[in-house]
Amino acid sequence: MKISLKVNNKAVSIDVDGNTPLLWVIRDELDLKGTKFGCGKAACGSCTVLINGDAIRCCSYPVRLAEGAEVTTIEGIGDHGTLHPVQQAWVEEIVPQCGYCQPGFIMAAVALLDKVQAPTDEDIDRQILNLCRCGTYYRMRKAIHRAAALKNESALTLKKTLGGEE
């Protein structure tokens, strides 16, 4: 089956079985290795990517459902060598231990912050349901708050630069 989609702002067309999990298309066909396989049952969140802006666990998401969609992987969130605010916050708060689950957490956090400008701890607990064997949840929550602040600071700076505020 021929599938056309946009991955990290690049149009791609692949010929695969439509029931192939999107995870394996991303990793094996497109050679983007940042998205991880964890459980294969959409339970752990290691495979989280954005599909049209929504956090989706792609290990059990048939690629045919992504036809025409915009898919963003961990490789697609930075901007020309500049870290995304979530990535920057992850570094500042020294979040990862083993790091395996972190791309999925980062992608879930990006999706959350695109919808909720200043999430509360309750928002984070309700929306970020990924699993971390190392238990870095406290640092991740701290990093999400820091990322929200970084993102808001960046938006304010841009507004001032464009003359929107004195």
Protein backbone atom coordinates (compact mmCIF):
# COMPACT_ATOMS: atom_id res chain seq x y z
CA MET A 1 0.00 0.00 0.00
CA LYS A 2 1.36 3.43 -0.94
CA ILE A 3 1.19 5.83 2.01
CA SER A 4 1.92 9.55 1.77
CA LEU A 5 2.50 11.66 4.85
CA LYS A 6 4.64 14.47 6.13
CA VAL A 7 7.34 13.56 8.65
CA ASN A 8 9.19 16.39 10.36
CA ASN A 9 7.95 18.82 7.67
CA LYS A 10 9.22 16.61 4.85
CA ALA A 11 6.80 14.89 2.44
CA VAL A 12 7.41 11.16 2.28
CA SER A 13 5.79 8.37 0.35
CA ILE A 14 6.34 4.74 1.32
CA ASP A 15 5.10 1.43 0.05
CA VAL A 16 4.30 -0.80 3.05
CA ASP A 17 1.53 -2.95 4.44
CA GLY A 18 -1.03 -0.47 5.79
CA ASN A 19 -1.25 -2.37 9.07
CA THR A 20 2.46 -1.93 9.81
CA PRO A 21 2.81 0.03 13.04
CA LEU A 22 3.90 3.59 12.35
CA LEU A 23 6.81 3.06 14.79
CA TRP A 24 8.48 0.57 12.45
CA VAL A 25 7.95 2.80 9.43
CA ILE A 26 9.61 5.68 11.32
CA ARG A 27 12.52 3.56 12.56
CA ASP A 28 13.09 1.11 9.72
CA GLU A 29 11.83 2.83 6.57
CA LEU A 30 12.70 6.44 7.44
CA ASP A 31 15.75 5.63 9.60
CA LEU A 32 14.69 7.94 12.44
CA LYS A 33 15.87 6.08 15.52
CA GLY A 34 14.89 8.57 18.25
CA THR A 35 11.40 7.10 18.64
CA LYS A 36 11.75 4.02 20.84
CA PHE A 37 10.02 0.66 21.07
CA GLY A 38 8.99 -0.06 24.64
CA CYS A 39 6.06 -2.39 25.10
CA GLY A 40 4.37 -2.77 21.70
CA LYS A 41 0.95 -2.28 23.35
CA ALA A 42 0.73 1.53 23.53
CA ALA A 43 1.03 1.32 27.31
CA CYS A 44 4.43 2.80 28.18
CA GLY A 45 4.67 5.81 25.86
CA SER A 46 8.29 5.36 24.75
CA CYS A 47 7.06 5.49 21.14
CA THR A 48 5.14 8.78 21.46
CA VAL A 49 5.14 11.02 18.39
CA LEU A 50 2.90 13.88 17.34
CA ILE A 51 0.31 13.23 14.67
CA ASN A 52 -1.34 16.47 13.60
CA GLY A 53 -0.23 17.91 16.93
CA ASP A 54 -1.63 15.15 19.14
CA ALA A 55 0.57 12.84 21.20
CA ILE A 56 0.09 9.33 19.79
CA ARG A 57 1.76 6.09 20.82
CA CYS A 58 2.80 4.81 17.44
CA CYS A 59 3.86 1.24 18.30
CA SER A 60 0.31 0.04 17.73
CA TYR A 61 -0.87 2.78 15.35
CA PRO A 62 -1.32 1.38 11.83
CA VAL A 63 0.55 3.51 9.29
CA ARG A 64 -2.55 3.64 7.06
CA LEU A 65 -4.20 5.87 9.68
CA ALA A 66 -1.37 8.40 9.18
CA GLU A 67 -2.14 8.83 5.47
CA GLY A 68 -1.96 12.57 4.73
CA ALA A 69 -1.04 13.40 8.34
CA GLU A 70 1.75 15.54 9.74
CA VAL A 71 3.97 13.39 11.93
CA THR A 72 6.59 14.92 14.19
CA THR A 73 9.24 12.78 15.85
CA ILE A 74 11.83 13.77 18.44
CA GLU A 75 14.19 14.60 15.55
CA GLY A 76 11.72 17.20 14.26
CA ILE A 77 11.11 19.43 17.28
CA GLY A 78 14.32 21.48 17.37
CA ASP A 79 14.96 24.34 14.99
CA HIS A 80 18.23 24.41 13.02
CA GLY A 81 20.41 23.23 15.87
CA THR A 82 18.45 25.12 18.54
CA LEU A 83 16.82 23.03 21.23
CA HIS A 84 13.05 23.10 21.63
CA PRO A 85 12.08 24.66 25.01
CA VAL A 86 11.15 21.19 26.30
CA GLN A 87 14.56 19.81 25.32
CA GLN A 88 16.28 22.81 26.89
CA ALA A 89 14.32 22.33 30.12
CA TRP A 90 15.19 18.61 30.13
CA VAL A 91 18.87 19.55 30.01
CA GLU A 92 18.57 22.29 32.65
CA GLU A 93 16.68 20.05 35.07
CA ILE A 94 18.95 17.04 34.41
CA VAL A 95 15.91 14.82 33.83
CA PRO A 96 17.14 11.58 32.25
CA GLN A 97 18.82 8.71 33.99
CA CYS A 98 18.93 5.87 31.47
CA GLY A 99 17.15 8.09 28.93
CA TYR A 100 15.31 5.35 27.04
CA CYS A 101 11.81 6.68 27.68
CA GLN A 102 12.76 10.35 27.38
CA PRO A 103 11.93 10.94 23.69
CA GLY A 104 8.36 9.79 24.38
CA PHE A 105 8.07 11.98 27.47
CA ILE A 106 9.47 14.97 25.59
CA MET A 107 6.98 14.50 22.75
CA ALA A 108 4.08 14.16 25.21
CA ALA A 109 5.26 17.35 26.96
CA VAL A 110 5.50 19.21 23.63
CA ALA A 111 1.89 18.24 22.84
CA LEU A 112 0.74 19.30 26.31
CA LEU A 113 2.46 22.70 26.11
CA ASP A 114 1.00 23.33 22.66
CA LYS A 115 -2.45 23.04 24.25
CA VAL A 116 -1.90 24.34 27.81
CA GLN A 117 0.33 27.40 28.15
CA ALA A 118 0.98 27.07 31.90
CA PRO A 119 0.07 23.54 33.03
CA THR A 120 -0.53 22.75 36.67
CA ASP A 121 0.84 19.63 38.34
CA GLU A 122 -2.65 18.16 37.92
CA ASP A 123 -2.61 18.94 34.16
CA ILE A 124 0.75 17.21 33.84
CA ASP A 125 -0.33 14.18 35.87
CA ARG A 126 -3.55 13.88 33.86
CA GLN A 127 -1.95 14.32 30.42
CA ILE A 128 1.50 12.74 30.70
CA LEU A 129 0.83 9.05 31.32
CA ASN A 130 4.11 7.64 30.03
CA LEU A 131 6.14 5.25 32.16
CA CYS A 132 9.71 5.70 33.38
CA ARG A 133 11.52 2.76 34.98
CA CYS A 134 14.05 5.10 36.56
CA GLY A 135 11.34 7.14 38.28
CA THR A 136 12.38 10.62 37.15
CA TYR A 137 8.78 11.89 37.32
CA TYR A 138 9.56 14.69 39.77
CA ARG A 139 12.31 16.07 37.54
CA MET A 140 10.13 15.70 34.44
CA ARG A 141 7.32 17.66 36.09
CA LYS A 142 9.84 20.35 37.06
CA ALA A 143 11.17 20.40 33.49
CA ILE A 144 7.67 20.76 32.02
CA HIS A 145 7.07 23.81 34.21
CA ARG A 146 10.47 25.18 33.16
CA ALA A 147 9.69 24.51 29.48
CA ALA A 148 6.40 26.40 29.82
CA ALA A 149 8.31 29.36 31.26
CA LEU A 150 10.94 29.18 28.49
CA LYS A 151 8.25 28.96 25.82
CA ASN A 152 6.35 31.91 27.29
CA GLU A 153 9.57 33.97 27.62
CA SER A 154 10.38 33.21 23.99
CA ALA A 155 6.90 34.27 22.85
CA LEU A 156 7.16 37.52 24.84
CA THR A 157 10.60 38.27 23.39
CA LEU A 158 9.31 37.65 19.86
CA LYS A 159 6.32 39.89 20.49
CA LYS A 160 8.60 42.69 21.73
CA THR A 161 10.93 42.22 18.77
CA LEU A 162 8.04 42.52 16.34
CA GLY A 163 6.90 45.73 18.06
CA GLY A 164 3.83 44.25 19.72
CA GLU A 165 4.76 45.47 23.17
CA GLU A 166 6.87 48.29 24.53
